[in-house]
Amino acid sequence: MNSKWIEGNDIRLLENGEEFFPRVFECIANAKQEVVLETFILFEDKVGKQLHEALVVAARRGVQCDVTIDGFGSPDLSDMFLGTLREAGVRVHVFDPGKPFMGHRLNLLRRMHRKIVVVDGTIAFIGGINYSADHLGDFGPEAKQDYSVEIHGPLVSEMHRFTHGALIQGQRYQRVRDWWRQRRNARTPMADQPRAGTAAAMLVVRDNGDHWNDIERHYRIALRAARDRVVIANAYFFPGYRFMKEMKRAARRGVDVRLILQGMPDMPIVKTAAMMLYHQLLRAGVRIYEYRDRPLHGKVALMDDEWATVGSSNLDPLSLALNLEANVIIRDRAFNQDLYGRLEKLMCASCNEIKREELGELRGVALVRSWVAYHFTRLYPGWASWLPRHVPRLLPALAGRIQAAYANAGSGKHAAASAKD
């Protein structure tokens, strides 16, 4: 897939599950030909059950439904949940990066982390929101703050081709009779979508092949071009050294660079490592805001008054070096302004700005501990990426398969899957 600017799109920002889930479920309910959905997490809670019902109803009226989940992120789906989908005709695929060894999954760090929906080749969604109740405000203090986008226009055709290509690549090792059945049931290719708006956009993915650093590279290009403002809101922020260098250079040449990060990270090592990161960035003039209202799960950014991105990719080594990720990059003043308004509200009402004088100096044991934690957090997934790069495989979701494959991987609880997403 070659990332390229595609003109003529209409792109709408959706904030949190309250805006995202009703639109996705409505589009599935109105689907006429097909639904292709990818997600890292699908839980059997009230949101997962709503998705389940929408897919079952659509499949029973003849809509071709393909759902891809990650086995690590979605380990606890019951036999009844999967069986009902299968009986209705929904094809559920489990991303399985490697065979378990003695009952253990070895590639715990390699995940299908994308969140994409394409309906009838005419409407698409992409972002960071999973299908779980913790993306709704009524979940309580642990409800997540996150974003997605709804897309109409020619970019949808590109996303349609990408999701179908991912299915074909993942299933290439299945038996010939499965391939023949899929070929026999294949639908007529859908026509490219007409212009629907004024936004230029591109789909950018990260994989373990030809696109291993595309998302980070586009961020760095935009940082080098920034002249006025940069706002990055990201749940897990430990980017590469070149990324950090571009941020500091932008701040030093007078760009208003702001970071919105988690105020209450779920892993102690993240807070320890962040101290060194904070000192480096604050010295360069970057402003840092810690979001305090609820867990931050967003992966969004904007630069100047046109460029913006929304997607699944964190800015940490897991997302930038190991996971399969997908972002959309948007060039549109109206969308940029909408995203900026929402992030500015977050900074003003729900964040604490971190001041350099409040941190104090890192010295002695604290300096050594922070230095080790920062560089370990930054580098350890990169070391794992030196291992042979497998071809991602998709396996049919059969009753009991997910639980059996991953029960020994320490992912049997919802909290384990959602703690680092």
Protein backbone atom coordinates (compact mmCIF):
# COMPACT_ATOMS: atom_id res chain seq x y z
CA MET A 1 0.00 0.00 0.00
CA ASN A 2 1.40 3.38 -1.04
CA SER A 3 0.31 6.24 1.23
CA LYS A 4 -0.85 9.20 -0.85
CA TRP A 5 -3.01 12.26 -0.41
CA ILE A 6 -6.57 11.64 -1.62
CA GLU A 7 -8.74 14.71 -2.17
CA GLY A 8 -12.48 15.21 -1.71
CA ASN A 9 -13.32 13.63 1.65
CA ASP A 10 -15.78 14.53 4.36
CA ILE A 11 -14.32 13.64 7.78
CA ARG A 12 -16.13 14.02 11.11
CA LEU A 13 -14.47 13.78 14.52
CA LEU A 14 -16.15 11.44 17.03
CA GLU A 15 -15.25 11.75 20.72
CA ASN A 16 -15.61 8.79 23.08
CA GLY A 17 -18.06 5.93 22.86
CA GLU A 18 -21.09 8.21 23.24
CA GLU A 19 -20.48 9.61 19.75
CA PHE A 20 -18.74 6.61 18.17
CA PHE A 21 -20.84 3.54 19.00
CA PRO A 22 -24.26 4.85 17.87
CA ARG A 23 -22.88 5.83 14.45
CA VAL A 24 -21.11 2.49 13.88
CA PHE A 25 -24.12 0.45 14.98
CA GLU A 26 -26.45 2.58 12.83
CA CYS A 27 -24.26 2.07 9.76
CA ILE A 28 -24.11 -1.71 10.35
CA ALA A 29 -27.90 -1.75 10.73
CA ASN A 30 -28.23 0.00 7.36
CA ALA A 31 -25.57 -2.10 5.56
CA LYS A 32 -26.68 -3.62 2.27
CA GLN A 33 -23.65 -5.63 1.09
CA GLU A 34 -20.80 -5.98 3.56
CA VAL A 35 -19.21 -4.99 6.85
CA VAL A 36 -15.45 -5.33 7.43
CA LEU A 37 -14.37 -4.63 11.02
CA GLU A 38 -11.00 -4.83 12.75
CA THR A 39 -10.48 -4.25 16.47
CA PHE A 40 -7.91 -5.01 19.13
CA ILE A 41 -10.44 -5.44 21.94
CA LEU A 42 -13.95 -6.91 21.80
CA PHE A 43 -15.42 -7.63 25.21
CA GLU A 44 -18.64 -9.47 25.95
CA ASP A 45 -20.10 -6.52 27.87
CA LYS A 46 -22.99 -4.24 26.97
CA VAL A 47 -21.11 -2.64 24.08
CA GLY A 48 -19.83 -5.96 22.74
CA LYS A 49 -23.34 -7.39 22.94
CA GLN A 50 -24.74 -4.43 20.98
CA LEU A 51 -22.13 -5.01 18.27
CA HIS A 52 -22.89 -8.73 18.35
CA GLU A 53 -26.62 -8.09 17.83
CA ALA A 54 -26.02 -5.62 14.99
CA LEU A 55 -23.72 -8.07 13.17
CA VAL A 56 -26.07 -11.04 13.63
CA VAL A 57 -29.04 -9.10 12.26
CA ALA A 58 -27.01 -7.81 9.31
CA ALA A 59 -25.60 -11.26 8.47
CA ARG A 60 -29.01 -12.91 8.62
CA ARG A 61 -30.35 -10.55 5.97
CA GLY A 62 -27.46 -11.42 3.64
CA VAL A 63 -24.78 -8.86 4.48
CA GLN A 64 -21.28 -10.33 4.30
CA CYS A 65 -19.64 -9.59 7.67
CA ASP A 66 -15.93 -10.10 8.41
CA VAL A 67 -14.68 -9.31 11.92
CA THR A 68 -10.99 -9.49 12.85
CA ILE A 69 -10.00 -9.45 16.53
CA ASP A 70 -6.66 -9.79 18.28
CA GLY A 71 -6.35 -12.95 20.34
CA PHE A 72 -4.45 -11.17 23.11
CA GLY A 73 -6.80 -8.20 23.27
CA SER A 74 -10.03 -10.26 23.05
CA PRO A 75 -9.37 -13.50 24.97
CA ASP A 76 -12.61 -14.07 26.87
CA LEU A 77 -15.38 -14.39 24.29
CA SER A 78 -17.73 -17.23 25.21
CA ASP A 79 -18.64 -20.21 23.03
CA MET A 80 -22.20 -18.90 22.81
CA PHE A 81 -21.06 -15.42 21.72
CA LEU A 82 -18.85 -16.78 18.93
CA GLY A 83 -21.21 -19.60 18.01
CA THR A 84 -24.16 -17.29 17.44
CA LEU A 85 -22.05 -15.09 15.17
CA ARG A 86 -20.85 -18.10 13.20
CA GLU A 87 -24.35 -19.55 12.84
CA ALA A 88 -25.61 -16.22 11.48
CA GLY A 89 -22.84 -16.21 8.88
CA VAL A 90 -20.45 -13.70 10.45
CA ARG A 91 -16.83 -14.70 9.75
CA VAL A 92 -14.76 -13.99 12.86
CA HIS A 93 -10.99 -14.08 12.37
CA VAL A 94 -8.45 -14.17 15.20
CA PHE A 95 -5.08 -12.52 14.65
CA ASP A 96 -2.55 -15.14 15.72
CA PRO A 97 1.04 -14.00 15.14
CA GLY A 98 2.62 -17.37 15.93
CA LYS A 99 1.99 -20.92 17.08
CA PRO A 100 1.94 -21.42 20.85
CA PHE A 101 4.95 -23.30 22.20
CA MET A 102 4.04 -25.80 24.94
CA GLY A 103 0.75 -23.95 25.40
CA HIS A 104 2.36 -20.49 25.64
CA ARG A 105 2.15 -17.67 23.14
CA LEU A 106 5.70 -16.43 22.57
CA ASN A 107 4.98 -13.24 20.60
CA LEU A 108 3.04 -11.38 23.27
CA LEU A 109 4.31 -8.03 22.02
CA ARG A 110 3.11 -8.47 18.42
CA ARG A 111 -0.52 -7.44 18.16
CA MET A 112 -3.16 -6.45 15.63
CA HIS A 113 -3.91 -3.08 17.18
CA ARG A 114 -5.93 -1.43 14.38
CA LYS A 115 -9.50 -0.18 14.85
CA ILE A 116 -11.18 0.11 11.43
CA VAL A 117 -14.72 -0.34 10.12
CA VAL A 118 -15.75 -0.18 6.45
CA VAL A 119 -19.45 -0.52 5.58
CA ASP A 120 -20.55 -1.19 1.98
CA GLY A 121 -17.35 0.43 0.75
CA THR A 122 -19.06 3.81 1.28
CA ILE A 123 -18.51 4.72 4.95
CA ALA A 124 -15.43 4.10 7.09
CA PHE A 125 -14.37 4.63 10.70
CA ILE A 126 -10.85 4.67 12.11
CA GLY A 127 -9.40 5.67 15.48
CA GLY A 128 -8.50 4.35 18.90
CA ILE A 129 -11.86 3.23 20.28
CA ASN A 130 -12.37 -0.48 21.04
CA TYR A 131 -15.67 -2.30 21.55
CA SER A 132 -15.86 -2.25 25.32
CA ALA A 133 -17.98 -0.46 27.93
CA ASP A 134 -14.97 1.38 29.37
CA HIS A 135 -15.24 3.83 26.46
CA LEU A 136 -18.54 5.14 27.88
CA GLY A 137 -18.79 7.81 30.55
CA ASP A 138 -21.15 5.77 32.72
CA PHE A 139 -18.38 3.19 33.24
CA GLY A 140 -17.14 5.44 36.03
CA PRO A 141 -13.73 6.92 36.90
CA GLU A 142 -11.95 4.42 34.63
CA ALA A 143 -13.90 5.43 31.52
CA LYS A 144 -11.47 6.27 28.71
CA GLN A 145 -11.01 9.52 26.81
CA ASP A 146 -10.59 8.71 23.12
CA TYR A 147 -11.31 9.68 19.52
CA SER A 148 -12.28 8.24 16.15
CA VAL A 149 -13.38 9.65 12.79
CA GLU A 150 -16.19 8.92 10.34
CA ILE A 151 -15.14 9.18 6.69
CA HIS A 152 -17.07 9.63 3.44
CA GLY A 153 -15.42 10.01 0.05
CA PRO A 154 -12.60 8.50 -2.03
CA LEU A 155 -10.45 7.60 0.99
CA VAL A 156 -13.08 5.01 1.93
CA SER A 157 -12.23 3.09 -1.25
CA GLU A 158 -8.58 2.98 -0.20
CA MET A 159 -9.54 1.71 3.25
CA HIS A 160 -11.84 -0.87 1.67
CA ARG A 161 -8.99 -2.22 -0.46
CA PHE A 162 -6.66 -2.27 2.54
CA THR A 163 -9.00 -4.23 4.82
CA HIS A 164 -9.70 -6.79 2.11
CA GLY A 165 -5.98 -7.12 1.42
CA ALA A 166 -5.39 -7.77 5.13
CA LEU A 167 -7.96 -10.58 5.08
CA ILE A 168 -6.40 -12.16 2.00
CA GLN A 169 -2.87 -11.94 3.43
CA GLY A 170 -3.89 -13.33 6.81
CA GLN A 171 -5.79 -16.27 5.33
CA ARG A 172 -3.26 -17.32 2.70
CA TYR A 173 -2.25 -20.43 4.68
CA GLN A 174 -5.73 -21.85 5.09
CA ARG A 175 -6.81 -24.89 3.16
CA VAL A 176 -7.66 -24.74 -0.53
CA ARG A 177 -11.31 -25.53 0.06
CA ASP A 178 -11.62 -22.50 2.37
CA TRP A 179 -10.03 -20.33 -0.33
CA TRP A 180 -12.40 -21.69 -2.97
CA ARG A 181 -15.45 -21.05 -0.78
CA GLN A 182 -14.35 -17.46 -0.20
CA ARG A 183 -13.68 -16.98 -3.90
CA ARG A 184 -17.10 -18.40 -4.79
CA ASN A 185 -18.82 -16.10 -2.29
CA ALA A 186 -16.82 -13.01 -3.23
CA ARG A 187 -18.83 -9.92 -4.03
CA THR A 188 -18.43 -7.74 -7.09
CA PRO A 189 -15.68 -5.16 -6.45
CA MET A 190 -17.15 -1.87 -5.31
CA ALA A 191 -16.67 1.30 -7.35
CA ASP A 192 -14.45 4.08 -6.07
CA GLN A 193 -16.36 6.61 -4.03
CA PRO A 194 -17.10 10.10 -5.42
CA ARG A 195 -15.96 13.31 -3.77
CA ALA A 196 -17.91 14.09 -0.61
CA GLY A 197 -16.11 17.07 0.92
CA THR A 198 -13.02 19.27 0.94
CA ALA A 199 -10.57 17.31 3.10
CA ALA A 200 -7.43 15.73 1.69
CA ALA A 201 -6.43 12.61 3.62
CA MET A 202 -4.28 9.51 3.53
CA LEU A 203 -4.32 6.12 5.22
CA VAL A 204 -0.97 5.38 6.88
CA VAL A 205 -0.23 1.96 8.38
CA ARG A 206 2.57 0.30 10.32
CA ASP A 207 3.40 -3.34 9.67
CA ASN A 208 6.40 -5.65 9.89
CA GLY A 209 7.11 -5.43 6.16
CA ASP A 210 7.44 -2.43 3.86
CA HIS A 211 5.70 0.03 6.20
CA TRP A 212 7.58 -0.54 9.45
CA ASN A 213 8.08 3.18 10.27
CA ASP A 214 5.53 5.04 8.13
CA ILE A 215 3.45 6.51 10.96
CA GLU A 216 6.43 7.87 12.89
CA ARG A 217 7.98 9.19 9.66
CA HIS A 218 4.85 11.21 8.82
CA TYR A 219 4.83 12.68 12.32
CA ARG A 220 8.46 13.77 11.91
CA ILE A 221 7.79 15.32 8.51
CA ALA A 222 4.93 17.36 9.96
CA LEU A 223 7.04 18.44 12.96
CA ARG A 224 9.78 19.69 10.66
CA ALA A 225 7.22 21.71 8.70
CA ALA A 226 5.39 23.15 11.74
CA ARG A 227 5.56 26.94 12.05
CA ASP A 228 2.84 27.94 14.51
CA ARG A 229 1.52 25.23 16.82
CA VAL A 230 1.74 21.52 17.61
CA VAL A 231 -0.65 19.68 19.94
CA ILE A 232 -0.15 15.95 20.53
CA ALA A 233 -2.47 13.94 22.79
CA ASN A 234 -1.21 10.40 23.26
CA ALA A 235 -1.77 7.79 25.92
CA TYR A 236 1.70 6.22 25.81
CA PHE A 237 4.41 8.65 24.79
CA PHE A 238 7.93 7.24 24.45
CA PRO A 239 8.83 8.02 20.83
CA GLY A 240 12.11 7.51 19.02
CA TYR A 241 15.12 9.74 19.50
CA ARG A 242 14.66 11.38 16.10
CA PHE A 243 11.03 12.16 16.96
CA MET A 244 12.13 13.78 20.22
CA LYS A 245 14.77 15.78 18.38
CA GLU A 246 12.20 17.16 15.91
CA MET A 247 9.88 18.16 18.78
CA LYS A 248 12.63 20.01 20.61
CA ARG A 249 13.80 21.71 17.42
CA ALA A 250 10.26 22.91 16.73
CA ALA A 251 9.91 24.37 20.23
CA ARG A 252 13.31 26.08 20.03
CA ARG A 253 12.42 27.82 16.76
CA GLY A 254 9.32 29.30 18.39
CA VAL A 255 6.56 26.79 17.63
CA ASP A 256 4.01 26.42 20.45
CA VAL A 257 4.49 22.68 21.13
CA ARG A 258 2.11 21.08 23.63
CA LEU A 259 1.78 17.50 24.86
CA ILE A 260 -1.29 16.03 26.55
CA LEU A 261 -0.29 12.86 28.41
CA GLN A 262 -1.73 10.51 31.00
CA GLY A 263 -1.69 11.99 34.46
CA MET A 264 -2.19 8.62 36.13
CA PRO A 265 -0.28 6.00 34.12
CA ASP A 266 -1.14 2.36 34.80
CA MET A 267 2.48 1.16 35.11
CA PRO A 268 4.95 2.60 37.69
CA ILE A 269 7.88 2.31 35.26
CA VAL A 270 6.08 4.71 32.91
CA LYS A 271 5.96 7.44 35.56
CA THR A 272 9.61 6.90 36.49
CA ALA A 273 10.74 6.99 32.87
CA ALA A 274 8.60 10.06 32.17
CA MET A 275 10.66 12.14 34.58
CA MET A 276 13.66 12.10 32.24
CA LEU A 277 11.43 12.74 29.24
CA TYR A 278 9.77 15.68 31.01
CA HIS A 279 13.09 17.28 31.89
CA GLN A 280 14.35 17.04 28.30
CA LEU A 281 11.22 18.46 26.72
CA LEU A 282 10.60 21.24 29.26
CA ARG A 283 14.18 22.48 28.85
CA ALA A 284 13.55 22.79 25.11
CA GLY A 285 10.34 24.79 25.65
CA VAL A 286 7.73 22.07 25.13
CA ARG A 287 4.65 22.52 27.32
CA ILE A 288 3.36 19.34 29.01
CA TYR A 289 -0.19 18.80 30.29
CA GLU A 290 -1.24 15.79 32.36
CA TYR A 291 -4.85 14.76 31.83
CA ARG A 292 -6.47 13.96 35.19
CA ASP A 293 -10.21 13.41 34.71
CA ARG A 294 -10.11 9.82 33.39
CA PRO A 295 -7.63 7.47 31.68
CA LEU A 296 -6.37 9.03 28.46
CA HIS A 297 -6.58 6.58 25.57
CA GLY A 298 -6.43 9.01 22.63
CA LYS A 299 -3.91 8.91 19.80
CA VAL A 300 -4.45 12.25 18.03
CA ALA A 301 -2.36 15.24 16.98
CA LEU A 302 -2.55 18.48 15.02
CA MET A 303 0.03 20.84 13.57
CA ASP A 304 -0.51 24.44 12.44
CA ASP A 305 -4.02 25.03 11.04
CA GLU A 306 -4.47 22.16 8.53
CA TRP A 307 -2.61 18.94 9.43
CA ALA A 308 -4.13 16.43 11.86
CA THR A 309 -4.03 12.71 12.57
CA VAL A 310 -6.34 10.25 14.34
CA GLY A 311 -5.70 6.54 14.67
CA SER A 312 -4.70 3.53 16.72
CA SER A 313 -0.98 4.21 17.07
CA ASN A 314 0.50 5.26 20.38
CA LEU A 315 3.85 7.01 20.23
CA ASP A 316 5.74 4.31 22.07
CA PRO A 317 7.94 1.37 21.02
CA LEU A 318 5.11 -1.18 20.97
CA SER A 319 3.10 0.83 18.45
CA LEU A 320 6.07 2.21 16.53
CA ALA A 321 8.11 -1.01 16.31
CA LEU A 322 5.88 -4.06 16.79
CA ASN A 323 2.10 -3.65 16.50
CA LEU A 324 0.00 -3.52 13.36
CA GLU A 325 -1.39 0.03 13.40
CA ALA A 326 -3.43 2.39 11.21
CA ASN A 327 -3.87 6.17 11.28
CA VAL A 328 -5.57 8.59 8.96
CA ILE A 329 -3.74 11.87 8.28
CA ILE A 330 -6.00 14.78 7.40
CA ARG A 331 -5.33 18.11 5.72
CA ASP A 332 -8.37 20.27 6.38
CA ARG A 333 -8.78 23.56 8.25
CA ALA A 334 -12.27 22.84 9.58
CA PHE A 335 -11.31 19.44 11.00
CA ASN A 336 -8.08 20.85 12.47
CA GLN A 337 -10.05 23.62 14.19
CA ASP A 338 -12.61 21.17 15.59
CA LEU A 339 -9.90 18.92 17.02
CA TYR A 340 -7.98 21.92 18.40
CA GLY A 341 -11.11 23.23 20.14
CA ARG A 342 -11.70 19.90 21.86
CA LEU A 343 -8.07 19.50 22.92
CA GLU A 344 -7.90 23.10 24.15
CA LYS A 345 -10.96 22.43 26.31
CA LEU A 346 -9.21 19.36 27.70
CA MET A 347 -6.08 21.37 28.53
CA CYS A 348 -8.02 24.18 30.20
CA ALA A 349 -10.57 22.17 32.16
CA SER A 350 -9.08 18.74 32.82
CA CYS A 351 -5.26 18.98 32.81
CA ASN A 352 -2.47 20.11 35.09
CA GLU A 353 0.36 21.87 33.29
CA ILE A 354 3.73 20.56 34.44
CA LYS A 355 6.21 23.32 35.31
CA ARG A 356 9.93 22.75 35.20
CA GLU A 357 10.50 24.35 38.59
CA GLU A 358 7.99 21.95 40.18
CA LEU A 359 9.93 18.88 39.05
CA GLY A 360 13.19 19.70 40.74
CA GLU A 361 16.52 18.40 39.49
CA LEU A 362 17.20 14.75 38.83
CA ARG A 363 20.24 13.75 40.87
CA GLY A 364 21.88 10.69 42.31
CA VAL A 365 19.77 7.54 42.56
CA ALA A 366 16.69 9.29 41.13
CA LEU A 367 18.66 10.29 38.03
CA VAL A 368 20.03 6.77 37.50
CA ARG A 369 16.63 5.15 38.09
CA SER A 370 14.91 7.53 35.67
CA TRP A 371 17.65 7.11 33.03
CA VAL A 372 17.46 3.30 33.17
CA ALA A 373 13.65 3.24 33.12
CA TYR A 374 13.46 5.70 30.22
CA HIS A 375 15.93 3.90 27.99
CA PHE A 376 14.60 0.44 28.88
CA THR A 377 11.03 1.53 28.14
CA ARG A 378 12.19 3.12 24.91
CA LEU A 379 14.35 0.25 23.64
CA TYR A 380 13.08 -3.14 24.82
CA PRO A 381 10.44 -3.69 22.11
CA GLY A 382 13.02 -2.67 19.52
CA TRP A 383 15.20 -5.54 20.70
CA ALA A 384 12.22 -7.88 20.30
CA SER A 385 11.75 -6.65 16.73
CA TRP A 386 15.15 -8.17 15.84
CA LEU A 387 13.48 -11.57 16.06
CA PRO A 388 12.31 -13.10 12.74
CA ARG A 389 9.34 -11.20 11.34
CA HIS A 390 6.54 -13.67 10.84
CA VAL A 391 3.75 -13.33 8.30
CA PRO A 392 0.57 -12.40 10.23
CA ARG A 393 -2.04 -15.15 10.19
CA LEU A 394 -5.77 -15.08 10.75
CA LEU A 395 -7.50 -18.17 12.13
CA PRO A 396 -11.26 -18.77 12.27
CA ALA A 397 -12.68 -18.07 15.73
CA LEU A 398 -13.80 -21.54 16.83
CA ALA A 399 -15.42 -22.28 20.16
CA GLY A 400 -12.80 -22.44 22.89
CA ARG A 401 -9.88 -21.62 20.60
CA ILE A 402 -9.15 -18.15 21.96
CA GLN A 403 -9.30 -19.22 25.58
CA ALA A 404 -7.15 -22.29 24.98
CA ALA A 405 -4.54 -20.42 22.97
CA TYR A 406 -4.09 -17.53 25.36
CA ALA A 407 -5.08 -18.73 28.81
CA ASN A 408 -1.42 -19.37 29.59
CA ALA A 409 -0.31 -16.02 28.18
CA GLY A 410 -1.56 -14.08 31.18
CA SER A 411 -4.30 -12.38 29.15
CA GLY A 412 -7.37 -13.98 30.61
CA LYS A 413 -8.71 -10.85 32.27
CA HIS A 414 -10.18 -7.77 30.65
CA ALA A 415 -7.90 -5.54 32.69
CA ALA A 416 -4.78 -7.20 31.31
CA ALA A 417 -5.80 -6.62 27.73
CA SER A 418 -6.91 -3.04 28.21
CA ALA A 419 -4.07 -1.94 30.49
CA LYS A 420 -1.77 -1.28 27.55
CA ASP A 421 -3.69 -0.38 24.40
